[in-house]
Amino acid sequence: MSLPPEKDCPDCSGSGNATWESHEGDEVTTQCSGCAGTGTVLA
């Protein structure tokens, strides 16, 4: 089984960052894990 050279970041749907709401109700934007804000990560 071979993987493509790049795949979407697991937590941002390929957008490069993920916006989520903290427990305090604040909106927080963080970079995707493992992709340095590019939206894709090397497989």
PDB file of N, CA and C in Angstrom:
ATOM      1  N   MET A   1       0.843  -1.197   0.000  1.00  0.00           N
ATOM      2  CA  MET A   1       0.000   0.000   0.000  1.00  0.00           C
ATOM      3  C   MET A   1       0.876   1.244   0.000  1.00  0.00           C
ATOM      4  N   SER A   2       0.697   2.104  -0.988  1.00  0.00           N
ATOM      5  CA  SER A   2       1.512   3.314  -1.082  1.00  0.00           C
ATOM      6  C   SER A   2       0.669   4.542  -0.768  1.00  0.00           C
ATOM      7  N   LEU A   3       1.282   5.513  -0.107  1.00  0.00           N
ATOM      8  CA  LEU A   3       0.592   6.742   0.243  1.00  0.00           C
ATOM      9  C   LEU A   3       0.975   7.843  -0.738  1.00  0.00           C
ATOM     10  N   PRO A   4       0.080   8.799  -0.973  1.00  0.00           N
ATOM     11  CA  PRO A   4       0.449   9.960  -1.785  1.00  0.00           C
ATOM     12  C   PRO A   4       1.516  10.775  -1.071  1.00  0.00           C
ATOM     13  N   PRO A   5       2.273  11.578  -1.806  1.00  0.00           N
ATOM     14  CA  PRO A   5       3.360  12.344  -1.179  1.00  0.00           C
ATOM     15  C   PRO A   5       2.867  13.356  -0.154  1.00  0.00           C
ATOM     16  N   GLU A   6       1.638  13.831  -0.311  1.00  0.00           N
ATOM     17  CA  GLU A   6       1.090  14.756   0.668  1.00  0.00           C
ATOM     18  C   GLU A   6      -0.329  14.347   1.017  1.00  0.00           C
ATOM     19  N   LYS A   7      -0.736  14.651   2.227  1.00  0.00           N
ATOM     20  CA  LYS A   7      -2.117  14.404   2.634  1.00  0.00           C
ATOM     21  C   LYS A   7      -2.589  15.596   3.446  1.00  0.00           C
ATOM     22  N   ASP A   8      -3.916  15.723   3.559  1.00  0.00           N
ATOM     23  CA  ASP A   8      -4.458  16.829   4.340  1.00  0.00           C
ATOM     24  C   ASP A   8      -4.020  16.728   5.794  1.00  0.00           C
ATOM     25  N   CYS A   9      -3.843  17.884   6.432  1.00  0.00           N
ATOM     26  CA  CYS A   9      -3.577  17.876   7.863  1.00  0.00           C
ATOM     27  C   CYS A   9      -4.749  17.239   8.574  1.00  0.00           C
ATOM     28  N   PRO A  10      -4.476  16.515   9.652  1.00  0.00           N
ATOM     29  CA  PRO A  10      -5.548  15.780  10.313  1.00  0.00           C
ATOM     30  C   PRO A  10      -6.585  16.667  10.991  1.00  0.00           C
ATOM     31  N   ASP A  11      -6.221  17.915  11.322  1.00  0.00           N
ATOM     32  CA  ASP A  11      -7.125  18.696  12.157  1.00  0.00           C
ATOM     33  C   ASP A  11      -7.593  20.001  11.526  1.00  0.00           C
ATOM     34  N   CYS A  12      -7.353  20.189  10.200  1.00  0.00           N
ATOM     35  CA  CYS A  12      -7.758  21.463   9.606  1.00  0.00           C
ATOM     36  C   CYS A  12      -8.372  21.312   8.225  1.00  0.00           C
ATOM     37  N   SER A  13      -8.596  20.095   7.759  1.00  0.00           N
ATOM     38  CA  SER A  13      -9.219  19.853   6.457  1.00  0.00           C
ATOM     39  C   SER A  13      -8.456  20.505   5.313  1.00  0.00           C
ATOM     40  N   GLY A  14      -7.130  20.610   5.448  1.00  0.00           N
ATOM     41  CA  GLY A  14      -6.313  21.133   4.372  1.00  0.00           C
ATOM     42  C   GLY A  14      -6.225  22.648   4.316  1.00  0.00           C
ATOM     43  N   SER A  15      -6.731  23.353   5.326  1.00  0.00           N
ATOM     44  CA  SER A  15      -6.761  24.809   5.257  1.00  0.00           C
ATOM     45  C   SER A  15      -5.485  25.462   5.781  1.00  0.00           C
ATOM     46  N   GLY A  16      -4.659  24.709   6.496  1.00  0.00           N
ATOM     47  CA  GLY A  16      -3.423  25.270   7.034  1.00  0.00           C
ATOM     48  C   GLY A  16      -3.533  25.672   8.485  1.00  0.00           C
ATOM     49  N   ASN A  17      -4.735  25.977   8.933  1.00  0.00           N
ATOM     50  CA  ASN A  17      -4.938  26.227  10.356  1.00  0.00           C
ATOM     51  C   ASN A  17      -6.348  25.806  10.753  1.00  0.00           C
ATOM     52  N   ALA A  18      -6.531  25.648  12.027  1.00  0.00           N
ATOM     53  CA  ALA A  18      -7.824  25.212  12.541  1.00  0.00           C
ATOM     54  C   ALA A  18      -8.324  26.233  13.551  1.00  0.00           C
ATOM     55  N   THR A  19      -9.571  26.628  13.414  1.00  0.00           N
ATOM     56  CA  THR A  19     -10.173  27.546  14.372  1.00  0.00           C
ATOM     57  C   THR A  19     -11.153  26.772  15.242  1.00  0.00           C
ATOM     58  N   TRP A  20     -11.043  26.961  16.532  1.00  0.00           N
ATOM     59  CA  TRP A  20     -11.908  26.228  17.444  1.00  0.00           C
ATOM     60  C   TRP A  20     -12.234  27.109  18.633  1.00  0.00           C
ATOM     61  N   GLU A  21     -13.208  26.689  19.416  1.00  0.00           N
ATOM     62  CA  GLU A  21     -13.629  27.481  20.564  1.00  0.00           C
ATOM     63  C   GLU A  21     -13.130  26.830  21.849  1.00  0.00           C
ATOM     64  N   SER A  22     -12.481  27.630  22.677  1.00  0.00           N
ATOM     65  CA  SER A  22     -11.964  27.102  23.932  1.00  0.00           C
ATOM     66  C   SER A  22     -13.097  26.931  24.939  1.00  0.00           C
ATOM     67  N   HIS A  23     -12.775  26.318  26.070  1.00  0.00           N
ATOM     68  CA  HIS A  23     -13.786  26.103  27.103  1.00  0.00           C
ATOM     69  C   HIS A  23     -14.299  27.429  27.666  1.00  0.00           C
ATOM     70  N   GLU A  24     -13.488  28.469  27.563  1.00  0.00           N
ATOM     71  CA  GLU A  24     -13.903  29.784  28.056  1.00  0.00           C
ATOM     72  C   GLU A  24     -14.754  30.532  27.028  1.00  0.00           C
ATOM     73  N   GLY A  25     -14.928  29.957  25.835  1.00  0.00           N
ATOM     74  CA  GLY A  25     -15.742  30.603  24.813  1.00  0.00           C
ATOM     75  C   GLY A  25     -14.941  31.496  23.884  1.00  0.00           C
ATOM     76  N   ASP A  26     -13.617  31.482  24.018  1.00  0.00           N
ATOM     77  CA  ASP A  26     -12.782  32.286  23.131  1.00  0.00           C
ATOM     78  C   ASP A  26     -12.523  31.530  21.840  1.00  0.00           C
ATOM     79  N   GLU A  27     -12.447  32.280  20.722  1.00  0.00           N
ATOM     80  CA  GLU A  27     -12.101  31.644  19.455  1.00  0.00           C
ATOM     81  C   GLU A  27     -10.588  31.596  19.331  1.00  0.00           C
ATOM     82  N   VAL A  28     -10.064  30.430  19.076  1.00  0.00           N
ATOM     83  CA  VAL A  28      -8.617  30.228  19.016  1.00  0.00           C
ATOM     84  C   VAL A  28      -8.263  29.671  17.647  1.00  0.00           C
ATOM     85  N   THR A  29      -7.207  30.219  17.023  1.00  0.00           N
ATOM     86  CA  THR A  29      -6.734  29.692  15.748  1.00  0.00           C
ATOM     87  C   THR A  29      -5.330  29.135  15.938  1.00  0.00           C
ATOM     88  N   THR A  30      -5.124  27.904  15.558  1.00  0.00           N
ATOM     89  CA  THR A  30      -3.815  27.281  15.685  1.00  0.00           C
ATOM     90  C   THR A  30      -3.401  26.674  14.358  1.00  0.00           C
ATOM     91  N   GLN A  31      -2.102  26.544  14.150  1.00  0.00           N
ATOM     92  CA  GLN A  31      -1.626  25.870  12.947  1.00  0.00           C
ATOM     93  C   GLN A  31      -1.934  24.388  13.042  1.00  0.00           C
ATOM     94  N   CYS A  32      -2.102  23.763  11.884  1.00  0.00           N
ATOM     95  CA  CYS A  32      -2.294  22.326  11.862  1.00  0.00           C
ATOM     96  C   CYS A  32      -1.064  21.640  12.453  1.00  0.00           C
ATOM     97  N   SER A  33      -1.282  20.503  13.061  1.00  0.00           N
ATOM     98  CA  SER A  33      -0.157  19.760  13.586  1.00  0.00           C
ATOM     99  C   SER A  33       0.608  19.109  12.428  1.00  0.00           C
ATOM    100  N   GLY A  34       1.906  19.338  12.382  1.00  0.00           N
ATOM    101  CA  GLY A  34       2.751  18.598  11.454  1.00  0.00           C
ATOM    102  C   GLY A  34       2.852  19.154  10.055  1.00  0.00           C
ATOM    103  N   CYS A  35       2.228  20.316   9.753  1.00  0.00           N
ATOM    104  CA  CYS A  35       2.299  20.782   8.373  1.00  0.00           C
ATOM    105  C   CYS A  35       2.779  22.223   8.242  1.00  0.00           C
ATOM    106  N   ALA A  36       3.150  22.855   9.348  1.00  0.00           N
ATOM    107  CA  ALA A  36       3.728  24.211   9.315  1.00  0.00           C
ATOM    108  C   ALA A  36       2.855  25.216   8.581  1.00  0.00           C
ATOM    109  N   GLY A  37       1.528  25.058   8.704  1.00  0.00           N
ATOM    110  CA  GLY A  37       0.621  26.019   8.132  1.00  0.00           C
ATOM    111  C   GLY A  37       0.384  25.898   6.633  1.00  0.00           C
ATOM    112  N   THR A  38       0.851  24.801   6.026  1.00  0.00           N
ATOM    113  CA  THR A  38       0.717  24.665   4.577  1.00  0.00           C
ATOM    114  C   THR A  38      -0.607  24.025   4.178  1.00  0.00           C
ATOM    115  N   GLY A  39      -1.264  23.347   5.099  1.00  0.00           N
ATOM    116  CA  GLY A  39      -2.500  22.657   4.775  1.00  0.00           C
ATOM    117  C   GLY A  39      -2.300  21.212   4.371  1.00  0.00           C
ATOM    118  N   THR A  40      -1.081  20.862   4.027  1.00  0.00           N
ATOM    119  CA  THR A  40      -0.796  19.458   3.729  1.00  0.00           C
ATOM    120  C   THR A  40       0.442  19.050   4.510  1.00  0.00           C
ATOM    121  N   VAL A  41       0.578  17.769   4.708  1.00  0.00           N
ATOM    122  CA  VAL A  41       1.721  17.236   5.441  1.00  0.00           C
ATOM    123  C   VAL A  41       2.288  16.061   4.642  1.00  0.00           C
ATOM    124  N   LEU A  42       3.595  15.925   4.644  1.00  0.00           N
ATOM    125  CA  LEU A  42       4.189  14.802   3.911  1.00  0.00           C
ATOM    126  C   LEU A  42       3.727  13.489   4.510  1.00  0.00           C
ATOM    127  N   ALA A  43       3.309  12.589   3.670  1.00  0.00           N
ATOM    128  CA  ALA A  43       2.780  11.316   4.144  1.00  0.00           C
ATOM    129  C   ALA A  43       3.922  10.443   4.682  1.00  0.00           C
TER     130      ALA A  43
END
